[in-house]
Amino acid sequence: MSLQQLAILLFQEGDIARAYNYISCSLEDVSFGKARYRIIDIAEYLPIIKAANDSRIKADRDRVLFFLLALSVLVIALVIVFFFLRKKNHNLLKVKKSLAEQNQRLQEVTGNLTRMNEEIKESNHIKEEYIGLLFNICSEYIYKQVVTQLEESQEIQDYAAAYSAMKPKQAAAIFEQMTNNLDLAARILKVMSAEDRGKILGAMNSEVAAKITKIMDPES
């Protein structure tokens, strides 16, 4: 079987590349041998096979260009995704750092609040002790004041009973001698009955009686 026939058979089977190679070799051999009739025979199939081979080459080139374009798009997409993820990771690191700083500040604030709470508790405890001590002192003072007032009241009552038993003129003379302590005279007279008090004041010097009355009743 000649190269020409083999090329035609391969072309019919769809093996365009090998068919074109074989028909080209056959044309070179025929051209070298100068067999004119075979050149005419080859020339009948050569344009068809060459056109099919050119279409195959163009299709292969287009397919390669498509894959290169797709690969370029994929590479560009990967680069974009890489930078996007890198930027996002950088932002996440910043957020993580910010959260760590805020958590540190929060822990410091919590520690300060805990210390302040302990100080407040201690201060409240001290205040309670001082309040208790002050309450005890005040209670003791009030008790002493009440006892003193009761003792003084009883003493005034005794004076009042003694002066009431005297004659009004005698009692008045004693009260007139108490010019340096008219407050005491007024207190004694105030606890007496109105009758006894009136008799003593009537027997008393009018000026002294007026002063004592003013002390007993400041609003008069």
N, C-alpha and C. Protein backbone atom coordinates (compact mmCIF):
# COMPACT_ATOMS: atom_id res chain seq x y z
N MET A 1 0.85 -1.18 0.00
CA MET A 1 0.00 0.00 0.00
C MET A 1 0.89 1.24 0.00
N SER A 2 0.59 2.19 -0.92
CA SER A 2 1.39 3.41 -1.03
C SER A 2 1.03 4.39 0.08
N LEU A 3 1.94 5.39 0.29
CA LEU A 3 1.68 6.42 1.30
C LEU A 3 0.43 7.20 0.95
N GLN A 4 0.18 7.37 -0.35
CA GLN A 4 -1.01 8.11 -0.77
C GLN A 4 -2.29 7.38 -0.35
N GLN A 5 -2.31 6.09 -0.59
CA GLN A 5 -3.49 5.31 -0.22
C GLN A 5 -3.67 5.25 1.30
N LEU A 6 -2.51 5.12 2.00
CA LEU A 6 -2.57 5.08 3.46
C LEU A 6 -3.09 6.41 4.01
N ALA A 7 -2.65 7.51 3.39
CA ALA A 7 -3.11 8.83 3.85
C ALA A 7 -4.61 8.97 3.64
N ILE A 8 -5.10 8.49 2.47
CA ILE A 8 -6.54 8.59 2.19
C ILE A 8 -7.33 7.73 3.18
N LEU A 9 -6.80 6.54 3.51
CA LEU A 9 -7.47 5.65 4.45
C LEU A 9 -7.52 6.27 5.84
N LEU A 10 -6.40 6.84 6.30
CA LEU A 10 -6.36 7.49 7.61
C LEU A 10 -7.30 8.69 7.66
N PHE A 11 -7.36 9.44 6.52
CA PHE A 11 -8.26 10.60 6.46
C PHE A 11 -9.71 10.15 6.63
N GLN A 12 -10.05 9.04 5.96
CA GLN A 12 -11.41 8.53 6.05
C GLN A 12 -11.73 8.03 7.47
N GLU A 13 -10.69 7.56 8.18
CA GLU A 13 -10.89 7.08 9.54
C GLU A 13 -10.84 8.21 10.55
N GLY A 14 -10.52 9.43 10.10
CA GLY A 14 -10.53 10.59 11.01
C GLY A 14 -9.17 10.94 11.58
N ASP A 15 -8.10 10.22 11.19
CA ASP A 15 -6.77 10.53 11.69
C ASP A 15 -6.16 11.59 10.78
N ILE A 16 -6.57 12.83 10.95
CA ILE A 16 -6.21 13.92 10.04
C ILE A 16 -4.73 14.22 10.07
N ALA A 17 -4.12 14.25 11.24
CA ALA A 17 -2.71 14.63 11.37
C ALA A 17 -1.81 13.65 10.62
N ARG A 18 -2.01 12.36 10.88
CA ARG A 18 -1.18 11.35 10.19
C ARG A 18 -1.48 11.33 8.69
N ALA A 19 -2.73 11.50 8.32
CA ALA A 19 -3.10 11.53 6.90
C ALA A 19 -2.38 12.67 6.19
N TYR A 20 -2.32 13.86 6.87
CA TYR A 20 -1.65 15.01 6.26
C TYR A 20 -0.15 14.76 6.15
N ASN A 21 0.45 14.15 7.16
CA ASN A 21 1.89 13.85 7.10
C ASN A 21 2.20 12.88 5.97
N TYR A 22 1.38 11.85 5.88
CA TYR A 22 1.64 10.83 4.85
C TYR A 22 1.44 11.41 3.45
N ILE A 23 0.37 12.18 3.23
CA ILE A 23 0.12 12.75 1.90
C ILE A 23 1.21 13.75 1.52
N SER A 24 1.74 14.46 2.55
CA SER A 24 2.84 15.41 2.29
C SER A 24 4.10 14.66 1.89
N CYS A 25 4.41 13.55 2.59
CA CYS A 25 5.58 12.73 2.25
C CYS A 25 5.42 12.12 0.84
N SER A 26 4.20 11.67 0.56
CA SER A 26 3.93 11.08 -0.76
C SER A 26 4.13 12.11 -1.85
N LEU A 27 3.72 13.38 -1.58
CA LEU A 27 3.89 14.44 -2.57
C LEU A 27 5.37 14.74 -2.78
N GLU A 28 6.16 14.71 -1.73
CA GLU A 28 7.60 14.95 -1.86
C GLU A 28 8.26 13.85 -2.68
N ASP A 29 7.84 12.59 -2.38
CA ASP A 29 8.42 11.47 -3.12
C ASP A 29 8.08 11.55 -4.61
N VAL A 30 6.80 11.88 -4.86
CA VAL A 30 6.35 11.97 -6.27
C VAL A 30 7.05 13.11 -6.99
N SER A 31 7.20 14.22 -6.26
CA SER A 31 7.86 15.40 -6.85
C SER A 31 9.31 15.07 -7.17
N PHE A 32 9.94 14.31 -6.27
CA PHE A 32 11.33 13.94 -6.49
C PHE A 32 11.45 12.99 -7.68
N GLY A 33 10.47 12.07 -7.82
CA GLY A 33 10.49 11.12 -8.94
C GLY A 33 9.87 11.67 -10.20
N LYS A 34 9.23 12.80 -10.14
CA LYS A 34 8.64 13.48 -11.29
C LYS A 34 7.61 12.60 -11.99
N ALA A 35 6.76 11.91 -11.18
CA ALA A 35 5.67 11.10 -11.75
C ALA A 35 4.46 12.01 -11.83
N ARG A 36 4.21 12.53 -13.05
CA ARG A 36 3.21 13.58 -13.22
C ARG A 36 1.80 13.07 -12.91
N TYR A 37 1.49 11.88 -13.31
CA TYR A 37 0.12 11.39 -13.13
C TYR A 37 -0.21 11.21 -11.65
N ARG A 38 0.83 10.84 -10.89
CA ARG A 38 0.60 10.64 -9.45
C ARG A 38 0.47 11.99 -8.74
N ILE A 39 1.17 13.01 -9.28
CA ILE A 39 1.06 14.35 -8.69
C ILE A 39 -0.38 14.85 -8.85
N ILE A 40 -0.93 14.59 -10.03
CA ILE A 40 -2.31 15.02 -10.28
C ILE A 40 -3.27 14.27 -9.36
N ASP A 41 -2.99 12.98 -9.13
CA ASP A 41 -3.85 12.16 -8.27
C ASP A 41 -3.78 12.64 -6.81
N ILE A 42 -2.52 12.96 -6.38
CA ILE A 42 -2.34 13.44 -4.99
C ILE A 42 -2.97 14.81 -4.82
N ALA A 43 -2.84 15.65 -5.89
CA ALA A 43 -3.36 17.01 -5.80
C ALA A 43 -4.88 17.01 -5.62
N GLU A 44 -5.52 15.91 -6.00
CA GLU A 44 -6.97 15.83 -5.83
C GLU A 44 -7.35 15.72 -4.34
N TYR A 45 -6.55 15.03 -3.54
CA TYR A 45 -6.84 14.80 -2.12
C TYR A 45 -6.11 15.77 -1.19
N LEU A 46 -4.96 16.31 -1.67
CA LEU A 46 -4.14 17.16 -0.81
C LEU A 46 -4.89 18.39 -0.28
N PRO A 47 -5.63 19.17 -1.09
CA PRO A 47 -6.33 20.34 -0.53
C PRO A 47 -7.37 19.96 0.51
N ILE A 48 -8.02 18.80 0.26
CA ILE A 48 -9.05 18.38 1.22
C ILE A 48 -8.41 18.03 2.56
N ILE A 49 -7.34 17.21 2.48
CA ILE A 49 -6.66 16.80 3.72
C ILE A 49 -6.01 17.99 4.40
N LYS A 50 -5.42 18.89 3.57
CA LYS A 50 -4.75 20.07 4.14
C LYS A 50 -5.77 20.98 4.85
N ALA A 51 -6.94 21.16 4.21
CA ALA A 51 -7.98 21.99 4.82
C ALA A 51 -8.46 21.38 6.13
N ALA A 52 -8.63 20.05 6.12
CA ALA A 52 -9.05 19.36 7.36
C ALA A 52 -7.98 19.49 8.43
N ASN A 53 -6.68 19.38 7.99
CA ASN A 53 -5.58 19.50 8.96
C ASN A 53 -5.50 20.93 9.52
N ASP A 54 -5.70 21.92 8.62
CA ASP A 54 -5.70 23.31 9.10
C ASP A 54 -6.84 23.55 10.11
N SER A 55 -7.99 22.97 9.81
CA SER A 55 -9.12 23.10 10.75
C SER A 55 -8.79 22.44 12.08
N ARG A 56 -8.11 21.27 11.97
CA ARG A 56 -7.73 20.58 13.22
C ARG A 56 -6.74 21.42 14.02
N ILE A 57 -5.75 21.97 13.31
CA ILE A 57 -4.74 22.79 14.02
C ILE A 57 -5.40 24.02 14.66
N LYS A 58 -6.32 24.64 13.87
CA LYS A 58 -7.01 25.82 14.42
C LYS A 58 -7.85 25.44 15.63
N ALA A 59 -8.53 24.29 15.54
CA ALA A 59 -9.35 23.84 16.67
C ALA A 59 -8.49 23.54 17.89
N ASP A 60 -7.32 22.88 17.61
CA ASP A 60 -6.40 22.61 18.73
C ASP A 60 -5.88 23.91 19.34
N ARG A 61 -5.54 24.87 18.45
CA ARG A 61 -5.04 26.15 18.95
C ARG A 61 -6.12 26.89 19.74
N ASP A 62 -7.36 26.86 19.23
CA ASP A 62 -8.46 27.51 19.96
C ASP A 62 -8.70 26.85 21.31
N ARG A 63 -8.60 25.51 21.28
CA ARG A 63 -8.80 24.77 22.52
C ARG A 63 -7.70 25.11 23.54
N VAL A 64 -6.46 25.21 23.04
CA VAL A 64 -5.34 25.57 23.93
C VAL A 64 -5.53 26.99 24.46
N LEU A 65 -5.94 27.90 23.55
CA LEU A 65 -6.17 29.29 23.97
C LEU A 65 -7.30 29.36 25.02
N PHE A 66 -8.35 28.56 24.81
CA PHE A 66 -9.46 28.54 25.76
C PHE A 66 -8.99 28.06 27.14
N PHE A 67 -8.19 26.95 27.10
CA PHE A 67 -7.68 26.44 28.37
C PHE A 67 -6.75 27.44 29.04
N LEU A 68 -5.90 28.13 28.20
CA LEU A 68 -5.01 29.15 28.76
C LEU A 68 -5.81 30.30 29.36
N LEU A 69 -6.88 30.71 28.64
CA LEU A 69 -7.74 31.78 29.14
C LEU A 69 -8.42 31.36 30.44
N ALA A 70 -8.95 30.13 30.44
CA ALA A 70 -9.62 29.64 31.65
C ALA A 70 -8.63 29.54 32.80
N LEU A 71 -7.39 29.07 32.45
CA LEU A 71 -6.37 28.97 33.49
C LEU A 71 -5.99 30.35 34.02
N SER A 72 -5.92 31.35 33.12
CA SER A 72 -5.59 32.72 33.54
C SER A 72 -6.68 33.28 34.46
N VAL A 73 -7.94 33.05 34.02
CA VAL A 73 -9.05 33.51 34.86
C VAL A 73 -9.02 32.85 36.23
N LEU A 74 -8.71 31.55 36.22
CA LEU A 74 -8.64 30.82 37.48
C LEU A 74 -7.51 31.35 38.36
N VAL A 75 -6.35 31.63 37.72
CA VAL A 75 -5.20 32.16 38.47
C VAL A 75 -5.55 33.53 39.06
N ILE A 76 -6.18 34.39 38.21
CA ILE A 76 -6.57 35.72 38.69
C ILE A 76 -7.57 35.61 39.84
N ALA A 77 -8.53 34.69 39.68
CA ALA A 77 -9.52 34.49 40.74
C ALA A 77 -8.84 34.01 42.03
N LEU A 78 -7.88 33.09 41.87
CA LEU A 78 -7.16 32.61 43.05
C LEU A 78 -6.36 33.72 43.72
N VAL A 79 -5.75 34.59 42.88
CA VAL A 79 -4.99 35.72 43.44
C VAL A 79 -5.93 36.66 44.20
N ILE A 80 -7.10 36.95 43.57
CA ILE A 80 -8.08 37.82 44.24
C ILE A 80 -8.54 37.21 45.55
N VAL A 81 -8.86 35.90 45.49
CA VAL A 81 -9.29 35.21 46.71
C VAL A 81 -8.19 35.22 47.75
N PHE A 82 -6.94 35.05 47.31
CA PHE A 82 -5.81 35.06 48.24
C PHE A 82 -5.69 36.40 48.96
N PHE A 83 -5.74 37.49 48.18
CA PHE A 83 -5.62 38.82 48.79
C PHE A 83 -6.84 39.13 49.66
N PHE A 84 -8.04 38.68 49.21
CA PHE A 84 -9.25 38.89 50.01
C PHE A 84 -9.14 38.17 51.36
N LEU A 85 -8.70 36.89 51.29
CA LEU A 85 -8.54 36.13 52.53
C LEU A 85 -7.44 36.71 53.40
N ARG A 86 -6.39 37.21 52.75
CA ARG A 86 -5.29 37.82 53.52
C ARG A 86 -5.77 39.08 54.24
N LYS A 87 -6.54 39.91 53.50
CA LYS A 87 -7.08 41.12 54.11
C LYS A 87 -8.06 40.76 55.23
N LYS A 88 -8.92 39.78 54.97
CA LYS A 88 -9.88 39.36 55.98
C LYS A 88 -9.17 38.81 57.20
N ASN A 89 -8.11 38.02 56.97
CA ASN A 89 -7.34 37.48 58.09
C ASN A 89 -6.68 38.60 58.88
N HIS A 90 -6.18 39.63 58.14
CA HIS A 90 -5.58 40.79 58.81
C HIS A 90 -6.62 41.51 59.67
N ASN A 91 -7.83 41.67 59.11
CA ASN A 91 -8.91 42.31 59.88
C ASN A 91 -9.29 41.47 61.10
N LEU A 92 -9.32 40.15 60.90
CA LEU A 92 -9.64 39.27 62.02
C LEU A 92 -8.58 39.35 63.11
N LEU A 93 -7.31 39.47 62.70
CA LEU A 93 -6.24 39.62 63.68
C LEU A 93 -6.39 40.92 64.44
N LYS A 94 -6.77 42.00 63.72
CA LYS A 94 -6.98 43.30 64.38
C LYS A 94 -8.14 43.20 65.37
N VAL A 95 -9.23 42.55 64.93
CA VAL A 95 -10.39 42.40 65.82
C VAL A 95 -10.02 41.54 67.04
N LYS A 96 -9.26 40.47 66.79
CA LYS A 96 -8.83 39.61 67.89
C LYS A 96 -7.95 40.38 68.87
N LYS A 97 -7.05 41.21 68.32
CA LYS A 97 -6.18 42.01 69.18
C LYS A 97 -7.00 43.02 69.99
N SER A 98 -7.98 43.66 69.29
CA SER A 98 -8.84 44.63 69.97
C SER A 98 -9.64 43.95 71.08
N LEU A 99 -10.18 42.77 70.80
CA LEU A 99 -10.95 42.03 71.81
C LEU A 99 -10.06 41.64 72.99
N ALA A 100 -8.80 41.26 72.68
CA ALA A 100 -7.89 40.91 73.76
C ALA A 100 -7.60 42.12 74.65
N GLU A 101 -7.40 43.30 74.01
CA GLU A 101 -7.16 44.53 74.78
C GLU A 101 -8.38 44.89 75.62
N GLN A 102 -9.57 44.80 75.01
CA GLN A 102 -10.80 45.10 75.76
C GLN A 102 -10.99 44.12 76.92
N ASN A 103 -10.66 42.84 76.67
CA ASN A 103 -10.79 41.84 77.73
C ASN A 103 -9.81 42.15 78.87
N GLN A 104 -8.59 42.61 78.50
CA GLN A 104 -7.61 42.98 79.51
C GLN A 104 -8.11 44.15 80.34
N ARG A 105 -8.66 45.18 79.63
CA ARG A 105 -9.20 46.34 80.35
C ARG A 105 -10.38 45.94 81.24
N LEU A 106 -11.22 45.03 80.71
CA LEU A 106 -12.37 44.56 81.49
C LEU A 106 -11.91 43.84 82.75
N GLN A 107 -10.85 43.03 82.62
CA GLN A 107 -10.32 42.33 83.79
C GLN A 107 -9.77 43.34 84.81
N GLU A 108 -9.10 44.39 84.29
CA GLU A 108 -8.58 45.41 85.20
C GLU A 108 -9.72 46.14 85.92
N VAL A 109 -10.77 46.48 85.15
CA VAL A 109 -11.93 47.15 85.76
C VAL A 109 -12.58 46.24 86.80
N THR A 110 -12.70 44.95 86.45
CA THR A 110 -13.30 43.99 87.38
C THR A 110 -12.47 43.89 88.66
N GLY A 111 -11.12 43.86 88.48
CA GLY A 111 -10.25 43.82 89.64
C GLY A 111 -10.39 45.06 90.51
N ASN A 112 -10.47 46.23 89.84
CA ASN A 112 -10.65 47.47 90.60
C ASN A 112 -11.98 47.48 91.36
N LEU A 113 -13.03 47.02 90.66
CA LEU A 113 -14.35 46.97 91.31
C LEU A 113 -14.34 46.01 92.50
N THR A 114 -13.63 44.89 92.34
CA THR A 114 -13.54 43.93 93.44
C THR A 114 -12.83 44.55 94.63
N ARG A 115 -11.70 45.25 94.34
CA ARG A 115 -10.97 45.91 95.43
C ARG A 115 -11.82 46.99 96.09
N MET A 116 -12.52 47.78 95.24
CA MET A 116 -13.39 48.82 95.78
C MET A 116 -14.49 48.22 96.65
N ASN A 117 -15.05 47.09 96.20
CA ASN A 117 -16.10 46.43 96.97
C ASN A 117 -15.58 45.96 98.32
N GLU A 118 -14.34 45.41 98.31
CA GLU A 118 -13.74 44.98 99.58
C GLU A 118 -13.49 46.18 100.49
N GLU A 119 -13.02 47.28 99.89
CA GLU A 119 -12.78 48.49 100.69
C GLU A 119 -14.08 49.03 101.26
N ILE A 120 -15.15 48.98 100.43
CA ILE A 120 -16.45 49.46 100.91
C ILE A 120 -16.96 48.58 102.05
N LYS A 121 -16.77 47.26 101.90
CA LYS A 121 -17.19 46.35 102.97
C LYS A 121 -16.43 46.66 104.26
N GLU A 122 -15.10 46.86 104.11
CA GLU A 122 -14.30 47.17 105.28
C GLU A 122 -14.71 48.50 105.89
N SER A 123 -14.96 49.49 104.99
CA SER A 123 -15.39 50.81 105.46
C SER A 123 -16.73 50.71 106.18
N ASN A 124 -17.66 49.93 105.62
CA ASN A 124 -18.97 49.75 106.26
C ASN A 124 -18.83 49.09 107.62
N HIS A 125 -17.90 48.14 107.69
CA HIS A 125 -17.68 47.46 108.97
C HIS A 125 -17.16 48.45 110.01
N ILE A 126 -16.20 49.29 109.58
CA ILE A 126 -15.66 50.31 110.49
C ILE A 126 -16.75 51.29 110.89
N LYS A 127 -17.57 51.71 109.89
CA LYS A 127 -18.67 52.62 110.19
C LYS A 127 -19.63 52.01 111.20
N GLU A 128 -19.94 50.72 111.01
CA GLU A 128 -20.85 50.05 111.94
C GLU A 128 -20.27 50.04 113.35
N GLU A 129 -18.95 49.82 113.44
CA GLU A 129 -18.32 49.82 114.76
C GLU A 129 -18.39 51.22 115.39
N TYR A 130 -18.08 52.24 114.57
CA TYR A 130 -18.14 53.61 115.08
C TYR A 130 -19.56 54.00 115.46
N ILE A 131 -20.52 53.60 114.61
CA ILE A 131 -21.92 53.91 114.91
C ILE A 131 -22.35 53.23 116.22
N GLY A 132 -21.94 51.96 116.37
CA GLY A 132 -22.27 51.24 117.60
C GLY A 132 -21.65 51.91 118.82
N LEU A 133 -20.36 52.32 118.65
CA LEU A 133 -19.68 53.00 119.77
C LEU A 133 -20.35 54.33 120.08
N LEU A 134 -20.67 55.10 118.99
CA LEU A 134 -21.34 56.39 119.20
C LEU A 134 -22.71 56.21 119.84
N PHE A 135 -23.41 55.16 119.39
CA PHE A 135 -24.74 54.88 119.97
C PHE A 135 -24.61 54.57 121.46
N ASN A 136 -23.60 53.78 121.81
CA ASN A 136 -23.40 53.45 123.23
C ASN A 136 -23.08 54.70 124.05
N ILE A 137 -22.20 55.57 123.45
CA ILE A 137 -21.84 56.81 124.15
C ILE A 137 -23.07 57.70 124.32
N CYS A 138 -23.84 57.84 123.20
CA CYS A 138 -25.04 58.68 123.26
C CYS A 138 -26.06 58.11 124.26
N SER A 139 -26.20 56.79 124.23
CA SER A 139 -27.15 56.16 125.15
C SER A 139 -26.74 56.41 126.59
N GLU A 140 -25.44 56.27 126.85
CA GLU A 140 -24.96 56.50 128.21
C GLU A 140 -25.15 57.96 128.62
N TYR A 141 -24.86 58.87 127.64
CA TYR A 141 -25.02 60.30 127.94
C TYR A 141 -26.49 60.64 128.21
N ILE A 142 -27.37 60.11 127.34
CA ILE A 142 -28.81 60.37 127.51
C ILE A 142 -29.29 59.81 128.84
N TYR A 143 -28.80 58.62 129.17
CA TYR A 143 -29.19 58.01 130.44
C TYR A 143 -28.76 58.89 131.62
N LYS A 144 -27.51 59.37 131.52
CA LYS A 144 -27.02 60.25 132.60
C LYS A 144 -27.82 61.53 132.68
N GLN A 145 -28.17 62.07 131.48
CA GLN A 145 -28.96 63.30 131.46
C GLN A 145 -30.33 63.08 132.08
N VAL A 146 -30.94 61.97 131.73
CA VAL A 146 -32.27 61.66 132.28
C VAL A 146 -32.19 61.49 133.78
N VAL A 147 -31.16 60.73 134.23
CA VAL A 147 -31.00 60.53 135.66
C VAL A 147 -30.78 61.86 136.37
N THR A 148 -29.92 62.72 135.75
CA THR A 148 -29.64 64.03 136.34
C THR A 148 -30.90 64.86 136.41
N GLN A 149 -31.66 64.85 135.30
CA GLN A 149 -32.91 65.63 135.29
C GLN A 149 -33.89 65.12 136.33
N LEU A 150 -33.95 63.80 136.46
CA LEU A 150 -34.85 63.24 137.47
C LEU A 150 -34.40 63.64 138.88
N GLU A 151 -33.08 63.58 139.09
CA GLU A 151 -32.56 63.96 140.40
C GLU A 151 -32.83 65.44 140.67
N GLU A 152 -32.60 66.28 139.59
CA GLU A 152 -32.85 67.71 139.76
C GLU A 152 -34.34 67.97 139.99
N SER A 153 -35.19 67.26 139.27
CA SER A 153 -36.63 67.44 139.43
C SER A 153 -37.07 67.10 140.85
N GLN A 154 -36.49 65.99 141.34
CA GLN A 154 -36.84 65.60 142.70
C GLN A 154 -36.36 66.63 143.72
N GLU A 155 -35.15 67.17 143.42
CA GLU A 155 -34.59 68.19 144.32
C GLU A 155 -35.45 69.45 144.29
N ILE A 156 -35.92 69.84 143.08
CA ILE A 156 -36.78 71.02 142.96
C ILE A 156 -38.10 70.78 143.69
N GLN A 157 -38.60 69.54 143.52
CA GLN A 157 -39.85 69.21 144.23
C GLN A 157 -39.67 69.34 145.75
N ASP A 158 -38.53 68.88 146.23
CA ASP A 158 -38.27 68.98 147.69
C ASP A 158 -38.19 70.44 148.12
N TYR A 159 -37.51 71.27 147.29
CA TYR A 159 -37.43 72.71 147.62
C TYR A 159 -38.83 73.33 147.64
N ALA A 160 -39.61 72.97 146.62
CA ALA A 160 -40.96 73.54 146.51
C ALA A 160 -41.80 73.16 147.73
N ALA A 161 -41.68 71.90 148.16
CA ALA A 161 -42.46 71.46 149.34
C ALA A 161 -42.02 72.21 150.60
N ALA A 162 -40.68 72.44 150.69
CA ALA A 162 -40.16 73.13 151.87
C ALA A 162 -40.63 74.58 151.91
N TYR A 163 -40.56 75.27 150.75
CA TYR A 163 -40.97 76.68 150.73
C TYR A 163 -42.49 76.82 150.86
N SER A 164 -43.20 75.81 150.35
CA SER A 164 -44.67 75.87 150.50
C SER A 164 -45.07 75.75 151.96
N ALA A 165 -44.26 75.04 152.74
CA ALA A 165 -44.57 74.87 154.17
C ALA A 165 -44.26 76.13 154.98
N MET A 166 -43.44 77.02 154.41
CA MET A 166 -43.11 78.27 155.11
C MET A 166 -44.24 79.28 154.95
N LYS A 167 -44.12 80.31 155.72
CA LYS A 167 -45.02 81.43 155.54
C LYS A 167 -44.60 82.17 154.27
N PRO A 168 -45.56 82.69 153.51
CA PRO A 168 -45.24 83.36 152.26
C PRO A 168 -44.19 84.46 152.41
N LYS A 169 -44.26 85.24 153.50
CA LYS A 169 -43.33 86.34 153.68
C LYS A 169 -41.92 85.83 153.88
N GLN A 170 -41.79 84.70 154.66
CA GLN A 170 -40.47 84.12 154.89
C GLN A 170 -39.87 83.58 153.58
N ALA A 171 -40.71 82.86 152.87
CA ALA A 171 -40.24 82.30 151.59
C ALA A 171 -39.86 83.41 150.63
N ALA A 172 -40.68 84.50 150.58
CA ALA A 172 -40.41 85.61 149.68
C ALA A 172 -39.08 86.26 150.02
N ALA A 173 -38.77 86.39 151.33
CA ALA A 173 -37.52 87.01 151.73
C ALA A 173 -36.32 86.18 151.23
N ILE A 174 -36.46 84.84 151.32
CA ILE A 174 -35.36 83.96 150.84
C ILE A 174 -35.18 84.11 149.32
N PHE A 175 -36.29 84.10 148.59
CA PHE A 175 -36.21 84.22 147.13
C PHE A 175 -35.59 85.55 146.71
N GLU A 176 -35.89 86.60 147.49
CA GLU A 176 -35.32 87.90 147.15
C GLU A 176 -33.81 87.91 147.30
N GLN A 177 -33.28 87.02 148.17
CA GLN A 177 -31.84 86.93 148.35
C GLN A 177 -31.16 86.14 147.21
N MET A 178 -31.98 85.48 146.39
CA MET A 178 -31.44 84.64 145.30
C MET A 178 -31.33 85.41 143.97
N THR A 179 -30.96 86.69 144.06
CA THR A 179 -30.89 87.52 142.84
C THR A 179 -29.84 87.03 141.84
N ASN A 180 -28.84 86.31 142.38
CA ASN A 180 -27.81 85.78 141.47
C ASN A 180 -28.23 84.44 140.85
N ASN A 181 -29.37 83.91 141.22
CA ASN A 181 -29.83 82.64 140.67
C ASN A 181 -31.35 82.63 140.60
N LEU A 182 -31.90 83.60 139.89
CA LEU A 182 -33.36 83.70 139.77
C LEU A 182 -33.95 82.55 138.95
N ASP A 183 -33.11 81.93 138.09
CA ASP A 183 -33.61 80.78 137.32
C ASP A 183 -34.02 79.65 138.25
N LEU A 184 -33.19 79.38 139.28
CA LEU A 184 -33.53 78.33 140.24
C LEU A 184 -34.79 78.70 141.01
N ALA A 185 -34.91 79.99 141.40
CA ALA A 185 -36.11 80.45 142.11
C ALA A 185 -37.35 80.26 141.25
N ALA A 186 -37.22 80.56 139.93
CA ALA A 186 -38.34 80.41 139.02
C ALA A 186 -38.73 78.95 138.88
N ARG A 187 -37.75 78.04 138.84
CA ARG A 187 -38.05 76.61 138.70
C ARG A 187 -38.77 76.08 139.95
N ILE A 188 -38.30 76.55 141.11
CA ILE A 188 -38.95 76.09 142.36
C ILE A 188 -40.39 76.60 142.42
N LEU A 189 -40.58 77.88 142.11
CA LEU A 189 -41.93 78.46 142.16
C LEU A 189 -42.84 77.82 141.12
N LYS A 190 -42.28 77.40 140.01
CA LYS A 190 -43.11 76.87 138.92
C LYS A 190 -43.75 75.54 139.28
N VAL A 191 -43.08 74.74 140.13
CA VAL A 191 -43.65 73.44 140.48
C VAL A 191 -44.58 73.53 141.68
N MET A 192 -44.68 74.71 142.30
CA MET A 192 -45.62 74.88 143.41
C MET A 192 -47.04 74.99 142.90
N SER A 193 -47.95 74.84 143.76
CA SER A 193 -49.35 75.08 143.40
C SER A 193 -49.53 76.56 143.10
N ALA A 194 -50.53 76.87 142.31
CA ALA A 194 -50.76 78.27 141.94
C ALA A 194 -51.05 79.14 143.15
N GLU A 195 -51.72 78.57 144.14
CA GLU A 195 -52.08 79.35 145.33
C GLU A 195 -50.83 79.73 146.11
N ASP A 196 -49.97 78.73 146.43
CA ASP A 196 -48.75 79.01 147.20
C ASP A 196 -47.83 79.95 146.42
N ARG A 197 -47.73 79.70 145.10
CA ARG A 197 -46.87 80.56 144.28
C ARG A 197 -47.36 82.00 144.32
N GLY A 198 -48.66 82.20 144.21
CA GLY A 198 -49.22 83.55 144.22
C GLY A 198 -48.98 84.28 145.53
N LYS A 199 -49.10 83.52 146.64
CA LYS A 199 -48.88 84.15 147.95
C LYS A 199 -47.43 84.62 148.09
N ILE A 200 -46.47 83.76 147.68
CA ILE A 200 -45.06 84.12 147.81
C ILE A 200 -44.71 85.28 146.91
N LEU A 201 -45.15 85.25 145.64
CA LEU A 201 -44.87 86.35 144.73
C LEU A 201 -45.50 87.66 145.23
N GLY A 202 -46.69 87.57 145.90
CA GLY A 202 -47.35 88.76 146.42
C GLY A 202 -46.58 89.39 147.56
N ALA A 203 -45.87 88.54 148.34
CA ALA A 203 -45.10 89.04 149.46
C ALA A 203 -43.70 89.49 149.04
N MET A 204 -43.35 89.26 147.82
CA MET A 204 -42.01 89.52 147.33
C MET A 204 -41.90 90.94 146.80
N ASN A 205 -40.68 91.46 146.74
CA ASN A 205 -40.42 92.74 146.11
C ASN A 205 -40.95 92.69 144.67
N SER A 206 -41.68 93.73 144.28
CA SER A 206 -42.35 93.72 142.97
C SER A 206 -41.37 93.58 141.80
N GLU A 207 -40.21 94.19 141.93
CA GLU A 207 -39.23 94.12 140.83
C GLU A 207 -38.69 92.71 140.68
N VAL A 208 -38.35 92.10 141.83
CA VAL A 208 -37.84 90.72 141.78
C VAL A 208 -38.94 89.77 141.31
N ALA A 209 -40.16 90.00 141.81
CA ALA A 209 -41.29 89.14 141.41
C ALA A 209 -41.52 89.22 139.91
N ALA A 210 -41.37 90.42 139.35
CA ALA A 210 -41.56 90.61 137.91
C ALA A 210 -40.51 89.85 137.11
N LYS A 211 -39.26 89.89 137.57
CA LYS A 211 -38.18 89.18 136.87
C LYS A 211 -38.41 87.67 136.91
N ILE A 212 -38.82 87.16 138.11
CA ILE A 212 -39.05 85.72 138.22
C ILE A 212 -40.23 85.30 137.34
N THR A 213 -41.28 86.12 137.33
CA THR A 213 -42.45 85.81 136.50
C THR A 213 -42.05 85.77 135.03
N LYS A 214 -41.19 86.69 134.61
CA LYS A 214 -40.74 86.73 133.20
C LYS A 214 -39.97 85.48 132.85
N ILE A 215 -39.16 84.99 133.84
CA ILE A 215 -38.40 83.76 133.59
C ILE A 215 -39.34 82.58 133.45
N MET A 216 -40.36 82.50 134.33
CA MET A 216 -41.30 81.39 134.30
C MET A 216 -42.15 81.41 133.02
N ASP A 217 -42.46 82.59 132.54
CA ASP A 217 -43.33 82.71 131.36
C ASP A 217 -42.73 83.76 130.40
N PRO A 218 -41.74 83.36 129.61
CA PRO A 218 -41.02 84.31 128.75
C PRO A 218 -41.95 85.01 127.75
N GLU A 219 -43.04 84.36 127.36
CA GLU A 219 -43.91 84.92 126.33
C GLU A 219 -44.91 85.93 126.89
N SER A 220 -44.95 86.09 128.22
CA SER A 220 -45.92 87.00 128.82
C SER A 220 -45.47 88.46 128.64
